[in-house]
Protein backbone atom coordinates (compact mmCIF):
# COMPACT_ATOMS: atom_id res chain seq x y z
CA MET A 1 0.00 0.00 0.00
CA ASN A 2 1.45 3.38 -1.00
CA SER A 3 1.45 6.39 1.32
CA THR A 4 -1.50 8.06 -0.45
CA GLU A 5 -3.76 5.05 0.14
CA LEU A 6 -2.43 4.57 3.65
CA PHE A 7 -3.14 8.17 4.69
CA SER A 8 -6.47 8.62 2.89
CA LYS A 9 -8.23 5.24 3.01
CA THR A 10 -7.02 3.31 6.05
CA SER A 11 -9.26 3.57 9.11
CA PRO A 12 -7.85 5.97 11.73
CA LEU A 13 -7.39 3.23 14.33
CA LYS A 14 -5.62 0.90 11.89
CA LEU A 15 -3.54 3.85 10.64
CA PHE A 16 -2.54 4.58 14.23
CA PHE A 17 -1.22 1.05 14.75
CA THR A 18 0.34 0.91 11.28
CA ALA A 19 2.19 4.22 11.54
CA SER A 20 2.55 5.30 15.15
CA ILE A 21 3.56 2.02 16.80
CA PRO A 22 6.56 1.49 14.45
CA GLY A 23 7.30 5.21 14.83
CA ALA A 24 7.32 4.93 18.62
CA VAL A 25 9.44 1.78 18.56
CA SER A 26 11.81 3.44 16.08
CA MET A 27 12.32 6.53 18.23
CA PHE A 28 12.57 4.42 21.38
CA ALA A 29 15.28 2.28 19.78
CA SER A 30 17.27 5.40 18.95
CA ALA A 31 16.81 6.81 22.43
CA LEU A 32 17.57 3.48 24.08
CA TYR A 33 21.04 3.65 22.60
CA TYR A 34 21.71 6.99 24.31
CA THR A 35 20.60 5.42 27.58
CA ILE A 36 22.92 2.47 26.99
CA GLU A 37 25.71 4.94 26.21
CA GLY A 38 25.12 6.63 29.55
CA ILE A 39 25.21 3.25 31.30
CA PHE A 40 28.45 2.22 29.59
CA VAL A 41 30.15 5.54 30.28
CA GLY A 42 29.10 5.47 33.94
CA HIS A 43 30.29 1.90 34.45
CA PHE A 44 33.44 1.81 32.29
CA LEU A 45 34.72 5.38 32.65
CA GLY A 46 33.35 6.51 36.01
CA GLU A 47 31.32 9.32 37.53
CA THR A 48 33.47 12.19 36.20
CA ALA A 49 33.11 10.98 32.60
CA PHE A 50 29.35 10.50 33.11
CA ALA A 51 29.05 14.06 34.44
CA ALA A 52 31.17 15.37 31.51
CA LEU A 53 28.91 13.60 29.02
CA ASN A 54 25.86 15.28 30.54
CA LEU A 55 27.59 18.65 30.56
CA ALA A 56 28.36 18.45 26.81
CA LEU A 57 25.17 16.70 25.67
CA PRO A 58 22.98 19.86 25.47
CA PHE A 59 25.38 21.33 22.90
CA VAL A 60 25.30 18.09 20.90
CA ILE A 61 21.50 18.27 20.78
CA ILE A 62 21.65 21.94 19.76
CA ASN A 63 23.78 20.84 16.82
CA PHE A 64 21.15 18.29 15.81
CA SER A 65 18.32 20.76 16.34
CA LEU A 66 19.09 22.90 13.30
CA ALA A 67 18.84 19.85 11.03
CA ASP A 68 15.62 18.89 12.81
CA LEU A 69 14.31 22.41 12.18
CA ILE A 70 14.78 21.96 8.43
CA GLY A 71 13.69 18.32 8.39
CA VAL A 72 10.45 18.80 10.32
CA GLY A 73 9.85 22.23 8.81
CA SER A 74 10.05 20.86 5.26
CA SER A 75 8.00 17.75 6.07
CA VAL A 76 4.89 19.79 6.88
CA PRO A 77 4.61 21.59 3.50
CA ILE A 78 5.74 18.43 1.67
CA SER A 79 2.86 16.45 3.22
CA ILE A 80 0.33 19.20 2.53
CA PHE A 81 1.48 19.60 -1.08
CA LEU A 82 1.27 15.85 -1.64
CA GLY A 83 -2.24 15.86 -0.18
CA SER A 84 -3.29 18.64 -2.55
CA GLY A 85 -1.75 16.89 -5.59
CA ARG A 86 1.27 19.18 -6.11
CA LYS A 87 4.03 16.54 -6.16
CA LEU A 88 6.64 18.51 -8.13
CA ARG A 89 6.54 21.28 -5.54
CA ALA A 90 6.98 18.69 -2.77
CA ASP A 91 10.02 17.21 -4.60
CA ILE A 92 11.68 20.62 -4.95
CA ILE A 93 11.27 21.37 -1.24
CA PHE A 94 12.64 17.92 -0.37
CA THR A 95 15.77 18.42 -2.48
CA SER A 96 16.37 21.97 -1.29
CA ALA A 97 15.98 20.94 2.36
CA CYS A 98 18.58 18.16 2.05
CA ILE A 99 21.15 20.64 0.70
CA MET A 100 20.32 23.15 3.44
CA ILE A 101 20.91 20.50 6.14
CA LEU A 102 24.35 19.54 4.79
CA VAL A 103 25.46 23.18 4.63
CA THR A 104 24.18 24.16 8.08
CA GLY A 105 25.58 20.97 9.63
CA THR A 106 29.03 21.82 8.34
CA LEU A 107 28.91 25.43 9.53
CA LEU A 108 27.52 24.75 13.00
CA GLY A 109 29.89 21.81 13.48
CA GLY A 110 32.83 24.14 12.86
CA VAL A 111 31.55 26.69 15.33
CA LEU A 112 31.09 24.07 18.07
CA TYR A 113 34.52 22.55 17.48
CA PHE A 114 36.43 25.79 18.01
CA SER A 115 34.20 27.14 20.81
CA ALA A 116 34.06 23.92 22.89
CA PRO A 117 36.78 24.88 25.45
CA LEU A 118 35.24 28.30 26.02
CA LEU A 119 31.74 26.86 26.45
CA MET A 120 32.85 24.36 29.10
CA SER A 121 34.83 27.04 30.92
CA LEU A 122 31.85 29.39 31.02
CA MET A 123 29.78 26.62 32.62
CA GLY A 124 32.29 26.34 35.45
CA ALA A 125 33.94 23.05 34.46
CA GLU A 126 37.64 22.67 35.23
CA GLY A 127 40.45 20.15 34.88
CA GLU A 128 39.62 16.59 33.82
CA PHE A 129 35.88 17.32 33.97
CA ALA A 130 36.24 20.08 31.33
CA ARG A 131 38.76 18.20 29.18
CA LEU A 132 36.51 15.16 28.81
CA ALA A 133 33.48 17.31 27.93
CA VAL A 134 35.46 19.17 25.25
CA GLU A 135 36.70 15.93 23.66
CA TYR A 136 33.20 14.49 23.57
CA LEU A 137 31.68 17.59 21.97
CA ARG A 138 34.43 17.95 19.36
CA VAL A 139 33.88 14.46 17.95
CA TYR A 140 30.22 15.29 17.30
CA ALA A 141 31.24 18.62 15.75
CA ILE A 142 33.63 16.96 13.27
CA CYS A 143 31.02 14.39 12.23
CA SER A 144 28.14 16.88 12.07
CA PRO A 145 27.52 16.92 8.26
CA LEU A 146 27.12 13.12 8.10
CA THR A 147 25.03 12.66 11.25
CA THR A 148 22.59 15.54 11.54
CA ILE A 149 20.79 14.70 8.29
CA LEU A 150 19.61 11.35 9.72
CA PHE A 151 16.76 13.03 11.63
CA ALA A 152 15.42 14.66 8.47
CA VAL A 153 15.62 11.62 6.21
CA ASP A 154 13.70 9.64 8.83
CA ASN A 155 10.78 12.04 8.31
CA TYR A 156 11.06 11.74 4.52
CA LEU A 157 11.00 7.93 4.68
CA ARG A 158 7.72 8.00 6.62
CA ILE A 159 6.19 10.51 4.20
CA CYS A 160 7.00 8.08 1.37
CA GLY A 161 5.34 5.20 3.24
CA TYR A 162 8.60 3.48 4.27
CA ILE A 163 7.41 3.07 7.85
CA ARG A 164 9.05 -0.33 8.33
CA GLY A 165 12.14 0.94 6.55
CA SER A 166 12.39 3.82 9.02
CA LEU A 167 12.01 1.36 11.88
CA PHE A 168 14.72 -0.90 10.46
CA ILE A 169 17.16 2.00 10.01
CA ASN A 170 16.72 3.13 13.61
CA LEU A 171 17.02 -0.41 14.98
CA PHE A 172 20.13 -1.00 12.89
CA MET A 173 21.65 2.30 14.03
CA SER A 174 21.09 1.47 17.69
CA PHE A 175 22.53 -2.03 17.25
CA LEU A 176 25.61 -0.76 15.41
CA CYS A 177 26.20 1.99 17.98
CA VAL A 178 25.97 -0.48 20.88
CA VAL A 179 28.40 -2.88 19.17
CA LEU A 180 30.88 -0.05 18.62
CA GLU A 181 30.36 1.18 22.18
CA VAL A 182 31.22 -2.26 23.55
CA LEU A 183 34.26 -2.48 21.27
CA PHE A 184 35.61 1.00 22.04
CA LEU A 185 34.88 1.18 25.77
CA GLY A 186 34.58 -2.43 26.93
CA VAL A 187 37.28 -4.10 24.80
CA LEU A 188 39.73 -1.39 23.73
CA ARG A 189 39.21 0.68 26.90
CA LEU A 190 39.27 4.00 25.05
CA GLY A 191 38.14 7.31 26.55
CA LEU A 192 34.94 9.34 26.44
CA TRP A 193 35.74 10.65 22.94
CA ALA A 194 35.39 7.06 21.67
CA SER A 195 31.84 6.90 23.00
CA ALA A 196 30.96 9.90 20.82
CA LEU A 197 32.77 8.31 17.86
CA ALA A 198 30.72 5.11 18.26
CA THR A 199 27.47 7.10 18.03
CA CYS A 200 28.62 9.23 15.10
CA SER A 201 29.84 6.19 13.14
CA GLY A 202 26.52 4.39 13.59
CA MET A 203 24.56 7.47 12.59
CA ALA A 204 26.71 8.17 9.49
CA VAL A 205 26.31 4.62 8.17
CA SER A 206 22.57 4.72 8.85
CA SER A 207 22.21 8.07 7.06
CA VAL A 208 23.71 6.62 3.89
CA MET A 209 21.45 3.55 4.11
CA ALA A 210 18.35 5.71 4.63
CA PHE A 211 18.97 7.64 1.42
CA ILE A 212 19.26 4.53 -0.78
CA PRO A 213 15.57 4.59 -1.92
CA PHE A 214 15.95 8.26 -2.87
CA PHE A 215 19.27 7.73 -4.68
CA ARG A 216 17.70 4.87 -6.67
CA GLY A 217 14.62 6.93 -7.55
CA LYS A 218 12.26 4.36 -6.02
CA ALA A 219 10.68 6.61 -3.39
CA LEU A 220 7.61 8.83 -3.74
CA LEU A 221 9.82 11.89 -3.25
CA ARG A 222 12.43 12.46 -5.98
CA PHE A 223 15.51 14.63 -6.22
CA ARG A 224 14.86 17.61 -8.49
CA ARG A 225 16.72 20.77 -9.35
CA PRO A 226 16.67 22.76 -6.09
CA ILE A 227 15.01 26.15 -6.00
CA PHE A 228 15.81 28.36 -3.01
CA THR A 229 13.36 31.18 -2.45
CA ILE A 230 12.90 33.44 0.54
CA LYS A 231 9.27 32.34 0.80
CA MET A 232 10.15 28.63 0.85
CA ILE A 233 12.91 29.10 3.43
CA ARG A 234 10.61 31.23 5.57
CA GLN A 235 7.89 28.57 5.42
CA ILE A 236 10.31 25.78 6.35
CA ILE A 237 11.55 27.83 9.28
CA ALA A 238 8.00 28.68 10.38
CA CYS A 239 6.86 25.04 10.31
CA GLY A 240 10.05 23.75 11.95
CA THR A 241 10.32 26.47 14.58
CA PRO A 242 8.16 24.77 17.25
CA ASN A 243 10.38 21.68 17.36
CA PHE A 244 13.51 23.80 17.00
CA LEU A 245 12.51 26.12 19.80
CA ASN A 246 11.63 23.15 21.96
CA ASN A 247 15.07 21.62 21.36
CA ILE A 248 17.07 24.83 21.59
CA ALA A 249 15.14 26.29 24.49
CA GLY A 250 15.28 22.95 26.27
CA ARG A 251 19.04 22.78 25.81
CA ILE A 252 19.46 26.38 26.99
CA ALA A 253 17.47 25.41 30.06
CA SER A 254 19.70 22.33 30.50
CA ILE A 255 22.82 24.47 30.21
CA LEU A 256 21.38 26.85 32.80
CA PHE A 257 20.48 23.96 35.12
CA ASN A 258 23.94 22.42 34.74
CA THR A 259 25.64 25.75 35.43
CA ILE A 260 23.60 26.15 38.62
CA LEU A 261 24.11 22.53 39.65
CA VAL A 262 27.90 22.67 39.17
CA ARG A 263 27.99 25.52 41.69
CA MET A 264 25.24 24.24 43.97
CA GLY A 265 26.03 20.53 44.19
CA GLY A 266 29.12 19.77 42.09
CA GLU A 267 29.59 16.73 39.86
CA ALA A 268 27.13 14.66 41.92
CA ALA A 269 24.26 17.08 41.26
CA VAL A 270 25.11 17.21 37.54
CA SER A 271 25.08 13.40 37.49
CA VAL A 272 21.66 13.28 39.16
CA TYR A 273 20.31 15.76 36.63
CA GLY A 274 21.77 13.52 33.92
CA ILE A 275 19.88 10.54 35.36
CA LEU A 276 16.63 12.53 35.18
CA MET A 277 17.35 13.42 31.56
CA PHE A 278 18.10 9.82 30.66
CA ALA A 279 14.84 8.74 32.32
CA GLU A 280 13.02 11.35 30.25
CA GLY A 281 14.96 10.09 27.25
CA LEU A 282 13.20 6.74 27.55
CA ILE A 283 9.70 8.23 27.76
CA GLN A 284 9.72 11.24 25.46
CA PRO A 285 10.77 9.26 22.35
CA LEU A 286 7.69 7.07 22.74
CA LEU A 287 5.48 10.16 22.84
CA TYR A 288 7.39 11.90 20.07
CA GLY A 289 7.57 8.76 17.92
CA MET A 290 3.81 8.20 18.01
CA CYS A 291 2.85 11.82 17.39
CA ASP A 292 5.58 12.49 14.84
CA ALA A 293 4.78 9.32 12.86
CA LEU A 294 1.17 10.49 12.52
CA GLN A 295 2.07 14.01 11.34
CA PRO A 296 2.35 13.08 7.63
CA ALA A 297 -1.10 11.47 7.75
CA VAL A 298 -2.59 14.43 9.60
CA GLY A 299 -0.98 16.91 7.18
CA PHE A 300 -2.11 14.88 4.15
CA ASN A 301 -5.75 14.69 5.32
CA TYR A 302 -5.67 18.33 6.36
CA GLY A 303 -4.45 19.28 2.89
CA ALA A 304 -7.24 17.15 1.38
CA GLY A 305 -9.89 18.79 3.62
CA GLN A 306 -10.72 15.55 5.47
CA TYR A 307 -11.26 17.13 8.90
CA GLY A 308 -13.14 14.18 10.37
CA ARG A 309 -10.15 11.92 9.74
CA VAL A 310 -7.80 14.53 11.20
CA ARG A 311 -9.83 14.60 14.44
CA SER A 312 -10.01 10.79 14.64
CA ILE A 313 -6.28 10.35 14.11
CA GLU A 314 -5.46 12.99 16.72
CA LYS A 315 -7.84 11.37 19.22
CA CYS A 316 -5.72 8.22 19.03
CA CYS A 317 -2.58 10.32 19.52
CA PHE A 318 -3.88 12.10 22.64
CA ILE A 319 -5.20 8.92 24.29
CA SER A 320 -2.04 6.88 23.68
CA SER A 321 0.17 9.74 24.93
CA ALA A 322 -1.83 9.88 28.14
CA VAL A 323 -1.55 6.12 28.70
CA ILE A 324 2.24 6.11 28.24
CA SER A 325 2.69 9.15 30.48
CA LEU A 326 0.61 7.73 33.32
CA ALA A 327 2.42 4.38 33.17
CA SER A 328 5.74 6.23 33.35
CA ILE A 329 4.80 7.86 36.65
CA PHE A 330 4.60 4.53 38.43
CA LEU A 331 7.81 3.13 36.93
CA ILE A 332 9.91 6.15 37.90
CA PHE A 333 8.33 6.62 41.33
CA LEU A 334 8.57 2.97 42.35
CA PHE A 335 12.08 2.19 41.08
CA PRO A 336 14.26 5.29 41.62
CA GLU A 337 17.16 3.42 43.21
CA GLN A 338 17.31 0.90 40.36
CA LEU A 339 17.33 3.74 37.82
CA THR A 340 20.18 5.43 39.67
CA ARG A 341 22.32 2.29 39.77
CA LEU A 342 21.84 1.80 36.03
CA PHE A 343 24.06 4.81 35.40
CA VAL A 344 26.24 4.97 38.50
CA SER A 345 27.26 1.51 39.69
CA GLU A 346 28.46 2.57 43.15
CA PRO A 347 26.82 5.87 44.12
CA GLY A 348 27.75 7.29 47.47
CA PRO A 349 25.01 7.44 50.14
CA GLY A 350 24.55 11.19 49.63
CA MET A 351 24.25 10.95 45.87
CA LEU A 352 21.91 7.95 46.06
CA ALA A 353 19.58 9.76 48.47
CA MET A 354 19.65 12.86 46.27
CA SER A 355 18.87 10.84 43.14
CA VAL A 356 16.01 8.84 44.70
CA SER A 357 14.35 12.02 45.97
CA ALA A 358 14.83 13.83 42.65
CA LEU A 359 13.40 10.95 40.60
CA GLN A 360 10.31 10.63 42.77
CA MET A 361 9.56 14.33 42.41
CA PHE A 362 10.36 14.18 38.69
CA ALA A 363 7.86 11.34 38.16
CA PHE A 364 4.89 13.68 38.63
CA THR A 365 5.95 15.55 35.49
CA TYR A 366 4.01 12.98 33.48
CA VAL A 367 0.68 13.58 35.13
CA THR A 368 0.14 16.42 32.63
CA ARG A 369 3.08 16.25 30.16
CA TRP A 370 1.11 14.29 27.55
CA LEU A 371 -1.40 17.10 26.94
CA SER A 372 1.11 19.77 25.92
CA PHE A 373 3.17 17.29 23.92
CA ALA A 374 0.26 16.01 21.82
CA THR A 375 -1.14 19.52 21.36
CA GLN A 376 2.15 20.87 20.03
CA SER A 377 2.41 17.99 17.55
CA TYR A 378 -1.18 18.52 16.39
CA MET A 379 -0.73 22.26 15.82
CA LEU A 380 2.49 21.61 13.92
CA ALA A 381 0.95 18.91 11.69
CA ILE A 382 -1.75 21.28 10.42
CA GLY A 383 0.67 24.15 9.85
CA ARG A 384 -0.35 26.33 12.81
CA SER A 385 3.18 27.14 13.78
CA ARG A 386 2.50 30.18 15.95
CA PRO A 387 0.55 28.46 18.78
CA ALA A 388 2.89 25.46 18.51
CA SER A 389 5.92 27.76 18.85
CA ILE A 390 4.45 29.61 21.82
CA LEU A 391 3.71 26.34 23.60
CA SER A 392 7.11 24.95 22.71
CA ILE A 393 9.27 27.80 23.96
CA SER A 394 7.11 28.27 27.06
CA THR A 395 7.46 24.61 28.02
CA ALA A 396 11.15 24.34 27.25
CA LEU A 397 12.46 27.66 28.54
CA LEU A 398 10.10 30.36 29.82
CA PHE A 399 8.31 28.30 32.46
CA PRO A 400 11.50 26.57 33.72
CA VAL A 401 13.39 29.87 34.08
CA LEU A 402 10.51 31.57 35.89
CA LEU A 403 10.16 28.57 38.19
CA ILE A 404 13.90 28.56 38.93
CA LEU A 405 13.41 32.04 40.39
CA LEU A 406 10.22 31.15 42.26
CA LEU A 407 11.62 27.89 43.69
CA TRP A 408 15.14 29.19 44.37
CA PRO A 409 14.67 29.27 48.19
CA LEU A 410 14.19 25.47 48.11
CA GLY A 411 17.72 24.87 46.79
CA LEU A 412 18.20 21.57 44.94
CA THR A 413 14.65 20.53 45.80
CA GLY A 414 13.43 23.52 43.82
CA ILE A 415 15.40 22.31 40.79
CA TRP A 416 13.78 18.87 40.93
CA LEU A 417 10.27 20.33 41.47
CA ASN A 418 10.78 22.54 38.44
CA PHE A 419 9.88 19.71 36.06
CA PRO A 420 6.36 18.79 37.30
CA ALA A 421 5.55 22.47 37.86
CA THR A 422 6.59 23.33 34.28
CA SER A 423 4.49 20.45 32.96
CA LEU A 424 1.41 21.70 34.81
CA CYS A 425 1.79 25.23 33.42
CA ALA A 426 2.25 23.84 29.91
CA ALA A 427 -0.88 21.70 30.18
CA VAL A 428 -2.98 24.75 31.08
CA MET A 429 -1.56 26.63 28.09
CA ALA A 430 -2.23 23.63 25.80
CA ALA A 431 -5.88 23.50 26.86
CA VAL A 432 -6.26 27.20 26.04
CA ILE A 433 -4.62 26.70 22.62
CA LEU A 434 -6.92 23.80 21.75
CA LYS A 435 -9.97 25.85 22.67
CA ARG A 436 -8.85 28.84 20.59
CA ASN A 437 -7.84 26.85 17.49
CA PRO A 438 -10.82 24.80 16.33
CA LEU A 439 -10.52 22.94 13.02
CA GLY A 440 -13.03 24.10 10.43
CA PRO A 441 -13.86 24.32 6.72
CA GLY A 442 -11.60 26.54 4.65
CA ASP A 443 -8.50 25.89 6.76
CA ALA A 444 -6.73 23.64 4.27
CA ALA A 445 -7.37 25.94 1.31
CA SER A 446 -6.06 28.89 3.31
CA GLN A 447 -2.96 26.97 4.39
CA ALA A 448 -2.24 25.73 0.86
CA GLY A 449 -2.40 29.33 -0.30
CA ASN A 450 0.11 30.33 2.36
CA LEU A 451 2.49 27.57 1.27
CA SER A 452 2.27 28.32 -2.46
């Protein structure tokens, strides 16, 4: 079944299981590798290397975020154009976006490579702690052109109906990265830089594999002569901005948290924050994978004016997000010590107590996190980038920064409570956005006109 038939004729419930479940598994497989990396680094290289990894990781994600901006931002108009029958226009945007990702990946990688020592110094890292973080970041910077494009091509594969192919690529990438991680850290006993090299090598190989259907001309989307216009670039940026802001703002918040934690609690506090982020890294990909995998179908039906199908598909997305979030609360709250020991094999009594307390407070984030997450994805899928951007930057940066100030008297406890409090504020904003943005006749025609 081709993507047109899948998106337009398959029942919403069957479409959900056909598209979103592989999408969730695919994203989870990718994220699981990062968790395994954290485990290996903590066990083979020690607590200082684990803290250094977490100090550098926000900058690594910022590097990936620009490619994600272009990949997600181009996927929205591509899906809408395909739904409205304008395939040539979709092909041109696809080709132009791929070139933009390669260029921006090269430029940003260069900036991160040369600025890495300064960035770590500004965050308060010194000595071995800073040196390890710089080495880790620089490997990602060098490999940036070959790795960042993987996130975009994953979106393009799903648009073309290669849902199982996308799943296979992500499973293969995770497997290859784990094998290389074991070889570099467990067998050869190399340093933290080798952990980054293992990830980059797996991603580079997977990127090449993912483009094979496009190179062979077998995919729905084809390479055409690129056309770069201000209007097209502006539209890509507008549609990709919510995800970009979420990633960038979230990393800025992480950098701010790490800077505070270095001064407030040292390496131990940074390590605990890293454990929280790795726990989130196991849950968020499931939510993102389900919602993101459904975006092409939502955009296609929106472009075709099938509003009833859009609502039915999104209903599945909201319900499944809520179920995963609520299940996550119990897992994190009931097993905080086990989660801690996954990443730090022999935590001291003080660090263990800090981590258990932080994880149990963090668990309540998912009482409401699903609502803002699914709402942002929905707004993005139908091209309403402004409310999605407002929700994104508020959740990732504005609310956390405001709550840092409000909860400052509580010390480290205030940092851990920041997460559930931010989630609650975001859920209220999401409910307001849903109420103010009803889906109605004329929307698709108006949006198609804006994209033209």
